[in-house]
Protein backbone atom coordinates (compact mmCIF):
# COMPACT_ATOMS: atom_id res chain seq x y z
CA MET A 1 -102.57 -130.33 -104.18
CA PHE A 2 -103.61 -126.86 -105.39
CA LYS A 3 -100.92 -125.38 -103.16
CA ASP A 4 -98.29 -127.40 -105.03
CA LEU A 5 -99.75 -126.43 -108.41
CA SER A 6 -99.77 -122.79 -107.39
CA LYS A 7 -96.13 -123.07 -106.30
CA ILE A 8 -95.16 -124.69 -109.62
CA MET A 9 -96.97 -121.98 -111.59
CA LYS A 10 -95.21 -119.28 -109.60
CA GLN A 11 -91.84 -120.92 -110.26
CA ALA A 12 -92.64 -121.19 -113.97
CA GLN A 13 -93.53 -117.49 -114.12
CA GLU A 14 -90.32 -116.59 -112.33
CA LEU A 15 -88.33 -118.77 -114.73
CA GLN A 16 -90.00 -117.11 -117.71
CA LYS A 17 -89.23 -113.66 -116.29
CA ASN A 18 -85.57 -114.60 -115.77
CA LEU A 19 -85.31 -116.02 -119.29
CA GLN A 20 -86.80 -112.89 -120.80
CA GLN A 21 -84.36 -110.74 -118.83
CA ALA A 22 -81.41 -112.86 -120.01
CA GLN A 23 -82.57 -112.55 -123.63
CA GLU A 24 -82.89 -108.78 -123.30
CA GLU A 25 -79.41 -108.55 -121.80
CA LEU A 26 -78.01 -110.57 -124.70
CA ALA A 27 -79.79 -108.34 -127.22
CA GLN A 28 -78.09 -105.29 -125.66
CA LEU A 29 -74.67 -106.97 -125.50
CA GLN A 30 -71.97 -105.68 -127.83
CA VAL A 31 -68.96 -107.90 -128.49
CA THR A 32 -65.82 -107.13 -130.50
CA GLY A 33 -63.72 -109.69 -132.30
CA GLU A 34 -60.28 -108.68 -133.45
CA VAL A 35 -57.13 -110.02 -135.06
CA SER A 36 -53.57 -108.89 -135.62
CA GLY A 37 -53.43 -106.77 -132.50
CA GLY A 38 -56.61 -104.92 -133.39
CA ALA A 39 -55.76 -104.28 -137.05
CA VAL A 40 -59.20 -105.64 -137.95
CA LYS A 41 -62.09 -105.32 -135.49
CA ILE A 42 -65.71 -106.34 -135.91
CA THR A 43 -68.33 -105.40 -133.31
CA MET A 44 -71.68 -107.19 -133.21
CA THR A 45 -74.66 -107.33 -130.89
CA GLY A 46 -75.83 -110.43 -129.09
CA LYS A 47 -78.47 -110.64 -131.83
CA TYR A 48 -75.69 -111.08 -134.41
CA GLU A 49 -76.15 -107.61 -135.90
CA VAL A 50 -72.98 -105.94 -137.16
CA VAL A 51 -72.44 -102.63 -135.38
CA GLU A 52 -69.00 -101.65 -136.64
CA VAL A 53 -66.12 -102.84 -138.80
CA LYS A 54 -62.73 -101.19 -138.31
CA ILE A 55 -59.74 -101.83 -140.60
CA ASP A 56 -56.34 -100.30 -139.95
CA PRO A 57 -55.45 -98.03 -142.89
CA SER A 58 -52.14 -99.84 -143.37
CA LEU A 59 -54.10 -102.90 -144.52
CA ARG A 60 -55.90 -101.07 -147.32
CA ASP A 61 -53.35 -102.01 -149.94
CA PRO A 62 -54.93 -103.25 -153.20
CA ASP A 63 -52.00 -105.65 -153.62
CA SER A 64 -52.78 -107.48 -150.38
CA LEU A 65 -56.55 -107.93 -150.58
CA ASP A 66 -56.21 -111.67 -149.95
CA MET A 67 -54.56 -111.00 -146.60
CA LEU A 68 -57.21 -108.41 -145.69
CA GLU A 69 -60.00 -110.83 -146.56
CA GLU A 70 -58.41 -113.51 -144.35
CA LEU A 71 -58.11 -111.06 -141.45
CA VAL A 72 -61.75 -109.97 -141.78
CA GLU A 73 -62.81 -113.62 -141.85
CA ALA A 74 -60.73 -114.37 -138.75
CA ALA A 75 -62.14 -111.33 -136.89
CA LEU A 76 -65.66 -112.41 -137.80
CA LYS A 77 -65.03 -115.92 -136.51
CA ASP A 78 -63.59 -114.44 -133.31
CA VAL A 79 -66.62 -112.24 -132.61
CA LEU A 80 -69.06 -115.06 -133.40
CA GLU A 81 -67.30 -117.37 -130.96
CA LYS A 82 -67.44 -114.68 -128.29
CA ILE A 83 -71.17 -114.15 -128.82
CA LYS A 84 -71.74 -117.90 -128.68
CA ALA A 85 -69.81 -118.11 -125.41
CA ALA A 86 -71.75 -115.19 -123.91
CA THR A 87 -75.03 -116.79 -124.97
CA GLU A 88 -74.03 -120.12 -123.43
CA GLU A 89 -73.06 -118.33 -120.22
CA LYS A 90 -76.36 -116.42 -120.01
CA LEU A 91 -78.70 -119.18 -121.12
CA GLY A 92 -76.83 -122.32 -120.08
CA SER A 93 -78.86 -122.81 -116.93
CA PHE A 94 -82.07 -122.65 -118.97
CA LYS A 95 -80.74 -125.28 -121.39
CA ALA A 96 -80.23 -127.59 -118.44
CA LEU A 97 -84.00 -127.40 -117.98
CA GLY A 98 -84.54 -128.61 -121.53
CA ALA A 99 -85.06 -125.26 -123.25
CA ASP A 100 -84.02 -125.05 -126.91
CA PHE A 101 -82.65 -121.73 -128.14
CA SER A 102 -81.48 -122.72 -131.61
CA GLY A 103 -82.40 -119.99 -134.03
CA MET A 104 -83.35 -117.66 -131.19
CA PHE A 105 -81.76 -114.70 -132.91
């Protein structure tokens, strides 16, 4: 009986180690969302921190701010979806075990 308990504890420790490694990898991840062939690019970390925002100079026209705002919004949505997908890929196997990562970052 203690052998089985010891084995379960060892597996739990290994699982915790793997989860921590996956979380660290996600924290280091940088993902870029872009629209209009790269005219607007937003780069964020796996912790949802904005690293960089790039806007093509041709879009900096005061008369077309509405279009620029829409492109920035679309690029932001793109990068957020990519981070979500990367998180699901990294942590999906842990979710199958019943782990809840909502609000993790």
